[in-house]
């Protein structure tokens, strides 16, 4: 296949390098591409070069806030048979774009990134493929992800964003609240240090990514749940109700053990 990867960041460079083993790959970025790409990966200078490459698939690997603007900019340059692909962590808005443009598409979400994952060993990581995607596009990414040893999950657009509220938004919120309470006068222990590592990793991500994840409308459900749980905990402490506290702990342990 002829594949164009838009975005020469860590994720875009990584996927371009892997796909170039079996496909004819080009990479393009609005900024100069200064990467250690394989020599056989074509560098396109700008979006005007897209038609001449005759791409079977264009993978949009730019930052989350730039995904839709890039799609809209390249759409007039894309052949009607070309499959558009995104790897966005939140699909809100992208869903409507695909519906309006009536183009072939495949939407995925690799549930890992360069900050925390070992990009060379991904056998314990996960990836999501959106069920509404083009059949050929789904098959392409299913084969690609299986070759990497990823655990693959199929969801529709709505299920994806609801799931991301739990797996991304809630951990992001908790880590940010922890970071907001960091006091250099504390004497940190092992647990504190582990939370600090997570918080530092989180804040090494791009602010626009963090913002878009938190702005997922399904995040509101998690905030409401969190408010209820904190209220329950606050009442238990105020009443000095040890039995209720033990039950609170046991409930959470029991929920964790279901995983």
Protein backbone atom coordinates (compact mmCIF):
# COMPACT_ATOMS: atom_id res chain seq x y z
CA UNK A 1 0.00 0.00 0.00
CA UNK A 2 0.95 3.63 -0.45
CA UNK A 3 0.59 5.25 2.97
CA UNK A 4 1.06 8.85 4.04
CA UNK A 5 1.65 9.61 7.72
CA UNK A 6 0.88 13.21 8.68
CA UNK A 7 2.80 14.30 11.77
CA UNK A 8 6.46 13.53 12.43
CA UNK A 9 6.19 13.47 16.21
CA UNK A 10 6.99 10.44 18.33
CA UNK A 11 3.85 8.48 17.41
CA UNK A 12 3.89 9.44 13.73
CA UNK A 13 7.58 8.62 13.33
CA UNK A 14 7.11 5.31 15.12
CA UNK A 15 4.20 4.11 12.98
CA UNK A 16 5.86 5.31 9.76
CA UNK A 17 8.99 3.33 10.58
CA UNK A 18 7.06 0.13 11.30
CA UNK A 19 4.77 0.37 8.28
CA UNK A 20 7.67 1.07 5.92
CA UNK A 21 8.82 -2.53 6.42
CA UNK A 22 6.00 -3.73 4.18
CA UNK A 23 4.52 -0.62 2.56
CA UNK A 24 5.55 2.44 0.54
CA UNK A 25 5.42 5.17 3.20
CA UNK A 26 5.70 8.95 3.07
CA UNK A 27 5.75 11.30 6.04
CA UNK A 28 4.82 14.96 6.14
CA UNK A 29 4.81 17.63 8.81
CA UNK A 30 4.23 21.37 8.69
CA UNK A 31 7.48 21.74 10.60
CA UNK A 32 10.75 20.51 9.07
CA UNK A 33 11.07 16.76 9.53
CA UNK A 34 14.15 16.14 11.68
CA UNK A 35 13.79 12.46 12.48
CA UNK A 36 15.89 9.34 12.21
CA UNK A 37 13.56 7.86 9.64
CA UNK A 38 14.65 5.02 7.39
CA UNK A 39 16.05 6.22 4.06
CA UNK A 40 13.21 4.59 2.13
CA UNK A 41 10.56 6.72 3.86
CA UNK A 42 9.64 9.54 1.49
CA UNK A 43 9.61 13.08 2.88
CA UNK A 44 6.82 15.20 1.45
CA UNK A 45 7.38 18.95 1.61
CA UNK A 46 3.78 20.09 2.06
CA UNK A 47 0.17 19.03 1.64
CA UNK A 48 0.22 19.96 -2.05
CA UNK A 49 2.42 16.90 -2.62
CA UNK A 50 -0.32 14.55 -1.41
CA UNK A 51 -2.13 13.89 -4.74
CA UNK A 52 1.06 12.83 -6.53
CA UNK A 53 1.76 10.09 -3.97
CA UNK A 54 -1.53 8.29 -4.81
CA UNK A 55 -2.09 7.23 -1.21
CA UNK A 56 -4.29 4.25 -0.39
CA UNK A 57 -4.37 5.44 3.22
CA UNK A 58 -3.53 8.68 5.04
CA UNK A 59 -2.84 8.33 8.76
CA UNK A 60 -3.38 11.52 10.74
CA UNK A 61 -0.89 11.39 13.64
CA UNK A 62 -0.82 15.04 14.63
CA UNK A 63 -1.79 16.34 18.08
CA UNK A 64 -5.40 15.88 19.12
CA UNK A 65 -6.35 19.54 18.77
CA UNK A 66 -4.90 19.65 15.24
CA UNK A 67 -6.50 16.43 13.97
CA UNK A 68 -9.71 17.94 12.60
CA UNK A 69 -8.09 21.08 11.10
CA UNK A 70 -5.58 18.87 9.26
CA UNK A 71 -8.31 16.58 7.95
CA UNK A 72 -10.29 19.57 6.67
CA UNK A 73 -7.21 21.06 5.01
CA UNK A 74 -6.22 17.91 3.14
CA UNK A 75 -9.72 16.72 2.22
CA UNK A 76 -9.82 18.56 -1.17
CA UNK A 77 -6.50 16.90 -2.06
CA UNK A 78 -7.52 13.34 -1.23
CA UNK A 79 -8.79 10.81 -3.77
CA UNK A 80 -12.28 9.49 -3.02
CA UNK A 81 -10.98 5.92 -2.57
CA UNK A 82 -8.29 6.90 -0.07
CA UNK A 83 -8.92 5.71 3.49
CA UNK A 84 -8.49 8.42 6.13
CA UNK A 85 -7.19 7.15 9.46
CA UNK A 86 -6.98 8.77 12.87
CA UNK A 87 -5.53 7.58 16.19
CA UNK A 88 -7.18 10.19 18.39
CA UNK A 89 -7.69 9.47 22.08
CA UNK A 90 -11.08 11.23 22.07
CA UNK A 91 -13.44 10.84 19.10
CA UNK A 92 -15.86 13.65 19.89
CA UNK A 93 -16.09 15.82 16.73
CA UNK A 94 -14.18 13.36 14.57
CA UNK A 95 -17.34 11.25 14.37
CA UNK A 96 -19.26 14.10 12.78
CA UNK A 97 -16.43 14.90 10.38
CA UNK A 98 -16.49 11.38 8.95
CA UNK A 99 -20.28 11.47 8.67
CA UNK A 100 -20.24 14.79 6.83
CA UNK A 101 -17.40 14.03 4.41
CA UNK A 102 -18.83 10.57 3.57
CA UNK A 103 -15.30 9.32 2.99
CA UNK A 104 -13.73 5.95 3.73
CA UNK A 105 -12.18 6.00 7.17
CA UNK A 106 -10.72 3.91 9.93
CA UNK A 107 -10.56 5.21 13.47
CA UNK A 108 -8.25 3.59 16.02
CA UNK A 109 -6.76 4.39 19.40
CA UNK A 110 -3.44 2.81 20.43
CA UNK A 111 -3.76 2.81 24.23
CA UNK A 112 -0.10 3.56 24.81
CA UNK A 113 2.37 6.27 24.07
CA UNK A 114 6.06 7.16 24.21
CA UNK A 115 5.80 8.64 27.72
CA UNK A 116 5.04 5.43 29.60
CA UNK A 117 5.19 2.52 27.14
CA UNK A 118 8.19 0.69 25.78
CA UNK A 119 7.45 1.22 22.10
CA UNK A 120 9.60 -1.74 21.13
CA UNK A 121 7.77 -4.24 23.36
CA UNK A 122 4.00 -3.79 23.34
CA UNK A 123 2.67 -7.25 24.10
CA UNK A 124 0.86 -6.16 27.25
CA UNK A 125 -0.59 -2.98 25.72
CA UNK A 126 -4.03 -2.41 24.22
CA UNK A 127 -5.52 -0.86 21.09
CA UNK A 128 -9.08 0.05 20.11
CA UNK A 129 -10.58 -0.15 16.62
CA UNK A 130 -13.85 1.68 15.97
CA UNK A 131 -16.53 -0.65 14.63
CA UNK A 132 -18.05 1.87 12.21
CA UNK A 133 -14.78 2.06 10.26
CA UNK A 134 -14.31 0.92 6.67
CA UNK A 135 -13.98 -2.87 6.48
CA UNK A 136 -10.63 -2.80 4.68
CA UNK A 137 -9.29 -0.22 7.11
CA UNK A 138 -10.33 -2.30 10.10
CA UNK A 139 -8.67 -5.38 8.64
CA UNK A 140 -5.46 -3.43 7.97
CA UNK A 141 -5.12 -2.20 11.55
CA UNK A 142 -6.28 -5.46 13.07
CA UNK A 143 -3.48 -7.28 11.24
CA UNK A 144 -0.97 -4.56 12.15
CA UNK A 145 -1.91 -4.53 15.84
CA UNK A 146 -1.93 -8.33 16.08
CA UNK A 147 1.56 -8.47 14.60
CA UNK A 148 2.67 -6.18 17.45
CA UNK A 149 1.03 -8.50 19.98
CA UNK A 150 -1.48 -5.89 21.14
CA UNK A 151 -4.75 -6.73 22.87
CA UNK A 152 -7.42 -5.48 20.43
CA UNK A 153 -10.85 -4.19 21.42
CA UNK A 154 -13.71 -3.23 19.07
CA UNK A 155 -16.02 -0.40 20.13
CA UNK A 156 -18.33 2.08 18.49
CA UNK A 157 -17.62 5.82 18.73
CA UNK A 158 -19.90 6.40 21.72
CA UNK A 159 -18.56 3.43 23.66
CA UNK A 160 -15.01 4.61 23.02
CA UNK A 161 -15.46 8.06 24.52
CA UNK A 162 -17.38 6.66 27.49
CA UNK A 163 -14.56 4.20 28.08
CA UNK A 164 -11.92 6.93 27.80
CA UNK A 165 -13.63 8.90 30.56
CA UNK A 166 -12.81 6.05 32.91
CA UNK A 167 -9.40 5.03 31.58
CA UNK A 168 -8.02 8.50 30.82
CA UNK A 169 -10.09 11.37 32.25
CA UNK A 170 -10.46 9.99 35.77
CA UNK A 171 -6.75 9.07 36.22
CA UNK A 172 -5.79 12.45 34.72
CA UNK A 173 -8.03 14.29 37.20
CA UNK A 174 -6.71 12.36 40.20
CA UNK A 175 -3.09 12.90 39.17
CA UNK A 176 -3.67 16.63 38.63
CA UNK A 177 -5.34 17.01 42.01
CA UNK A 178 -2.42 15.17 43.61
CA UNK A 179 0.03 17.49 41.83
CA UNK A 180 -1.93 20.50 43.04
CA UNK A 181 -1.37 19.40 46.64
CA UNK A 182 2.37 18.70 46.39
CA UNK A 183 4.20 20.39 49.26
CA UNK A 184 8.00 20.47 49.29
CA UNK A 185 7.95 20.49 53.09
CA UNK A 186 6.58 16.93 53.15
CA UNK A 187 8.76 13.92 53.87
CA UNK A 188 7.86 11.65 50.95
CA UNK A 189 7.59 7.88 51.20
CA UNK A 190 7.46 5.16 48.56
CA UNK A 191 3.75 5.64 47.75
CA UNK A 192 4.19 9.38 47.37
CA UNK A 193 7.16 8.90 45.07
CA UNK A 194 5.23 6.49 42.84
CA UNK A 195 2.41 9.00 42.51
CA UNK A 196 4.95 11.71 41.72
CA UNK A 197 6.37 9.60 38.89
CA UNK A 198 2.89 9.23 37.40
CA UNK A 199 2.16 12.94 37.80
CA UNK A 200 5.46 13.98 36.20
CA UNK A 201 4.82 11.63 33.29
CA UNK A 202 1.32 13.03 32.84
CA UNK A 203 2.51 16.64 32.77
CA UNK A 204 5.21 15.80 30.24
CA UNK A 205 2.36 15.38 27.74
CA UNK A 206 1.19 18.24 25.55
CA UNK A 207 -1.26 20.59 27.28
CA UNK A 208 -3.66 20.42 24.35
CA UNK A 209 -3.85 16.62 24.66
CA UNK A 210 -4.59 16.83 28.38
CA UNK A 211 -7.21 19.49 27.73
CA UNK A 212 -8.98 17.54 24.99
CA UNK A 213 -9.09 14.37 27.08
CA UNK A 214 -10.62 16.24 30.02
CA UNK A 215 -13.10 18.05 27.74
CA UNK A 216 -14.59 14.71 26.68
CA UNK A 217 -18.30 15.17 27.53
CA UNK A 218 -18.31 11.75 29.21
CA UNK A 219 -15.84 13.13 31.77
CA UNK A 220 -18.79 14.81 33.49
CA UNK A 221 -20.18 11.41 34.52
CA UNK A 222 -16.89 10.54 36.20
CA UNK A 223 -16.76 13.88 38.00
CA UNK A 224 -20.28 13.28 39.31
CA UNK A 225 -19.27 9.79 40.51
CA UNK A 226 -16.14 11.20 42.15
CA UNK A 227 -18.16 13.89 43.91
CA UNK A 228 -20.46 11.23 45.36
CA UNK A 229 -17.58 9.03 46.56
CA UNK A 230 -15.79 11.97 48.17
CA UNK A 231 -19.02 12.97 49.89
CA UNK A 232 -19.39 9.46 51.28
CA UNK A 233 -15.79 9.48 52.50
CA UNK A 234 -16.14 12.94 54.04
CA UNK A 235 -19.27 11.92 55.96
CA UNK A 236 -17.56 8.75 57.23
CA UNK A 237 -14.58 10.72 58.56
CA UNK A 238 -16.78 13.38 60.17
CA UNK A 239 -18.80 10.72 61.98
CA UNK A 240 -15.66 8.80 62.96
CA UNK A 241 -17.49 5.71 61.69
CA UNK A 242 -14.79 3.04 61.57
CA UNK A 243 -17.14 0.33 60.30
CA UNK A 244 -18.23 2.51 57.40
CA UNK A 245 -14.58 3.26 56.62
CA UNK A 246 -13.73 -0.44 56.62
CA UNK A 247 -16.67 -1.09 54.31
CA UNK A 248 -15.53 1.73 52.00
CA UNK A 249 -12.08 0.12 51.76
CA UNK A 250 -13.51 -3.36 51.24
CA UNK A 251 -15.84 -2.16 48.50
CA UNK A 252 -12.95 -0.64 46.58
CA UNK A 253 -10.74 -3.71 47.08
CA UNK A 254 -13.56 -5.95 45.89
CA UNK A 255 -14.05 -3.83 42.76
CA UNK A 256 -10.32 -3.95 42.03
CA UNK A 257 -10.20 -7.73 42.37
CA UNK A 258 -12.68 -8.11 39.49
CA UNK A 259 -10.03 -7.04 37.01
